C-alpha atoms as a PDB file:
ATOM      1  CA  UNK A   1     111.597  98.494 108.050  1.00  0.00           C
ATOM      2  CA  UNK A   2     109.112  98.732 105.169  1.00  0.00           C
ATOM      3  CA  UNK A   3     108.831 101.199 102.347  1.00  0.00           C
ATOM      4  CA  UNK A   4     109.257 104.941 102.306  1.00  0.00           C
ATOM      5  CA  UNK A   5     106.280 107.118 103.217  1.00  0.00           C
ATOM      6  CA  UNK A   6     104.200 107.804 100.096  1.00  0.00           C
ATOM      7  CA  UNK A   7     105.765 105.014  98.034  1.00  0.00           C
ATOM      8  CA  UNK A   8     103.170 103.254  95.882  1.00  0.00           C
ATOM      9  CA  UNK A   9     102.743  99.493  95.796  1.00  0.00           C
ATOM     10  CA  UNK A  10     103.843  99.515  92.130  1.00  0.00           C
ATOM     11  CA  UNK A  11     107.065 101.373  93.051  1.00  0.00           C
ATOM     12  CA  UNK A  12     107.665  98.840  95.797  1.00  0.00           C
ATOM     13  CA  UNK A  13     107.189  95.891  93.406  1.00  0.00           C
ATOM     14  CA  UNK A  14     109.716  97.435  90.996  1.00  0.00           C
ATOM     15  CA  UNK A  15     112.150  97.804  93.902  1.00  0.00           C
ATOM     16  CA  UNK A  16     111.659  94.135  94.846  1.00  0.00           C
ATOM     17  CA  UNK A  17     112.257  93.036  91.263  1.00  0.00           C
ATOM     18  CA  UNK A  18     115.429  95.151  91.058  1.00  0.00           C
ATOM     19  CA  UNK A  19     116.769  93.631  94.298  1.00  0.00           C
ATOM     20  CA  UNK A  20     116.010  90.131  93.055  1.00  0.00           C
ATOM     21  CA  UNK A  21     117.689  90.814  89.679  1.00  0.00           C
ATOM     22  CA  UNK A  22     120.777  92.134  91.455  1.00  0.00           C
ATOM     23  CA  UNK A  23     120.870  88.898  93.442  1.00  0.00           C
ATOM     24  CA  UNK A  24     120.498  86.783  90.294  1.00  0.00           C
ATOM     25  CA  UNK A  25     116.819  85.916  90.711  1.00  0.00           C
ATOM     26  CA  UNK A  26     114.625  87.565  88.095  1.00  0.00           C
ATOM     27  CA  UNK A  27     111.013  87.591  89.290  1.00  0.00           C
ATOM     28  CA  UNK A  28     109.759  87.574  85.687  1.00  0.00           C
ATOM     29  CA  UNK A  29     111.468  84.381  84.598  1.00  0.00           C
ATOM     30  CA  UNK A  30     111.405  80.807  85.713  1.00  0.00           C
ATOM     31  CA  UNK A  31     108.562  78.560  86.699  1.00  0.00           C
ATOM     32  CA  UNK A  32     105.108  79.880  85.876  1.00  0.00           C
ATOM     33  CA  UNK A  33     103.748  78.066  88.946  1.00  0.00           C
ATOM     34  CA  UNK A  34     105.804  80.147  91.386  1.00  0.00           C
ATOM     35  CA  UNK A  35     104.047  82.490  93.822  1.00  0.00           C
ATOM     36  CA  UNK A  36     105.573  85.371  95.790  1.00  0.00           C
ATOM     37  CA  UNK A  37     104.267  86.471  99.189  1.00  0.00           C
ATOM     38  CA  UNK A  38     104.766  90.243  99.345  1.00  0.00           C
ATOM     39  CA  UNK A  39     103.454  93.004 101.633  1.00  0.00           C
ATOM     40  CA  UNK A  40     100.684  95.231 100.315  1.00  0.00           C
ATOM     41  CA  UNK A  41     101.512  98.769 101.414  1.00  0.00           C
ATOM     42  CA  UNK A  42      98.267 100.289 100.100  1.00  0.00           C
ATOM     43  CA  UNK A  43      95.727  97.968 101.762  1.00  0.00           C
ATOM     44  CA  UNK A  44      97.882  96.461 104.471  1.00  0.00           C
ATOM     45  CA  UNK A  45      98.301  92.738 104.819  1.00  0.00           C
ATOM     46  CA  UNK A  46     100.080  90.477 102.362  1.00  0.00           C
ATOM     47  CA  UNK A  47      99.533  89.569  98.703  1.00  0.00           C
ATOM     48  CA  UNK A  48     100.178  86.328  96.851  1.00  0.00           C
ATOM     49  CA  UNK A  49     101.496  87.279  93.406  1.00  0.00           C
ATOM     50  CA  UNK A  50     102.120  84.945  90.476  1.00  0.00           C
ATOM     51  CA  UNK A  51     105.658  85.223  89.208  1.00  0.00           C
ATOM     52  CA  UNK A  52     105.926  87.839  86.458  1.00  0.00           C
ATOM     53  CA  UNK A  53     102.481  89.337  87.153  1.00  0.00           C
ATOM     54  CA  UNK A  54     101.347  92.549  88.861  1.00  0.00           C
ATOM     55  CA  UNK A  55      97.878  91.599  90.079  1.00  0.00           C
ATOM     56  CA  UNK A  56      97.583  89.590  93.277  1.00  0.00           C
ATOM     57  CA  UNK A  57      96.188  86.045  93.181  1.00  0.00           C
ATOM     58  CA  UNK A  58      95.120  86.422  96.828  1.00  0.00           C
ATOM     59  CA  UNK A  59      95.250  88.898  99.713  1.00  0.00           C
ATOM     60  CA  UNK A  60      95.543  87.880 103.366  1.00  0.00           C
ATOM     61  CA  UNK A  61      95.796  89.876 106.612  1.00  0.00           C
ATOM     62  CA  UNK A  62      98.980  88.125 107.821  1.00  0.00           C
ATOM     63  CA  UNK A  63     102.148  86.839 106.195  1.00  0.00           C
ATOM     64  CA  UNK A  64     101.546  83.357 107.615  1.00  0.00           C
ATOM     65  CA  UNK A  65      98.031  83.210 106.113  1.00  0.00           C
ATOM     66  CA  UNK A  66      99.345  84.449 102.751  1.00  0.00           C
ATOM     67  CA  UNK A  67     102.080  81.816 102.818  1.00  0.00           C
ATOM     68  CA  UNK A  68      99.483  79.076 103.483  1.00  0.00           C
ATOM     69  CA  UNK A  69      97.312  80.373 100.631  1.00  0.00           C
ATOM     70  CA  UNK A  70     100.304  80.540  98.264  1.00  0.00           C
ATOM     71  CA  UNK A  71     101.103  76.894  99.041  1.00  0.00           C
ATOM     72  CA  UNK A  72      97.487  75.928  98.269  1.00  0.00           C
ATOM     73  CA  UNK A  73      97.640  77.791  94.957  1.00  0.00           C
ATOM     74  CA  UNK A  74     100.949  76.176  93.966  1.00  0.00           C
ATOM     75  CA  UNK A  75      99.566  72.722  94.756  1.00  0.00           C
ATOM     76  CA  UNK A  76      96.248  73.210  92.931  1.00  0.00           C
ATOM     77  CA  UNK A  77      96.859  75.497  89.974  1.00  0.00           C
ATOM     78  CA  UNK A  78     100.624  74.999  89.718  1.00  0.00           C
ATOM     79  CA  UNK A  79     100.289  71.203  89.951  1.00  0.00           C
ATOM     80  CA  UNK A  80     102.804  71.205  92.813  1.00  0.00           C
ATOM     81  CA  UNK A  81     105.797  71.986  90.618  1.00  0.00           C
ATOM     82  CA  UNK A  82     106.149  75.631  91.630  1.00  0.00           C
ATOM     83  CA  UNK A  83     107.760  77.375  94.541  1.00  0.00           C
ATOM     84  CA  UNK A  84     106.520  79.763  97.243  1.00  0.00           C
ATOM     85  CA  UNK A  85     108.930  82.681  97.772  1.00  0.00           C
ATOM     86  CA  UNK A  86     108.272  84.696 100.935  1.00  0.00           C
ATOM     87  CA  UNK A  87     109.594  88.268 101.059  1.00  0.00           C
ATOM     88  CA  UNK A  88     110.326  90.521 104.016  1.00  0.00           C
ATOM     89  CA  UNK A  89     108.707  93.963 104.243  1.00  0.00           C
ATOM     90  CA  UNK A  90     111.851  95.489 102.697  1.00  0.00           C
ATOM     91  CA  UNK A  91     111.561  93.250  99.616  1.00  0.00           C
ATOM     92  CA  UNK A  92     114.379  90.828 100.376  1.00  0.00           C
ATOM     93  CA  UNK A  93     113.624  87.118 100.191  1.00  0.00           C
ATOM     94  CA  UNK A  94     113.063  85.666 103.662  1.00  0.00           C
ATOM     95  CA  UNK A  95     112.279  82.061 102.785  1.00  0.00           C
ATOM     96  CA  UNK A  96     111.136  79.746 100.022  1.00  0.00           C
ATOM     97  CA  UNK A  97     109.436  76.383  99.887  1.00  0.00           C
ATOM     98  CA  UNK A  98     109.131  74.007  96.949  1.00  0.00           C
ATOM     99  CA  UNK A  99     105.854  72.508  95.838  1.00  0.00           C
ATOM    100  CA  UNK A 100     105.265  68.779  96.364  1.00  0.00           C
ATOM    101  CA  UNK A 101     106.538  67.836  92.865  1.00  0.00           C
ATOM    102  CA  UNK A 102     109.863  69.622  93.522  1.00  0.00           C
ATOM    103  CA  UNK A 103     110.485  68.060  96.918  1.00  0.00           C
ATOM    104  CA  UNK A 104     113.447  65.785  97.400  1.00  0.00           C
ATOM    105  CA  UNK A 105     112.846  62.353  98.910  1.00  0.00           C
ATOM    106  CA  UNK A 106     114.248  63.675 102.215  1.00  0.00           C
ATOM    107  CA  UNK A 107     111.698  64.937 104.727  1.00  0.00           C
ATOM    108  CA  UNK A 108     111.346  68.739 104.815  1.00  0.00           C
ATOM    109  CA  UNK A 109     111.777  69.579 108.495  1.00  0.00           C
ATOM    110  CA  UNK A 110     111.496  73.346 108.028  1.00  0.00           C
ATOM    111  CA  UNK A 111     107.874  73.499 106.783  1.00  0.00           C
END
């Protein structure tokens, strides 16, 4: 699991975007409040990246911590109308969670 030896973080991000486009989810379009939780292969740990951007909004040592931070960012700067998309180490989407403004009236039992 993970990226090939010697693959740069930029190469990995391009690979993630290509996978998402093939699956009908273009990382560069959609809600500007969305944040992606992606592994950082250069520094280790996980990055929180604003949709359509290259630079990380935050860096955390664990995926769980990065997911928490992404949710905070979506609620504060995204006004709760964004989404947190969590990726696996291979770039595929593992999970997503809507911000508070996108939630349905039903209780979210997953998060």
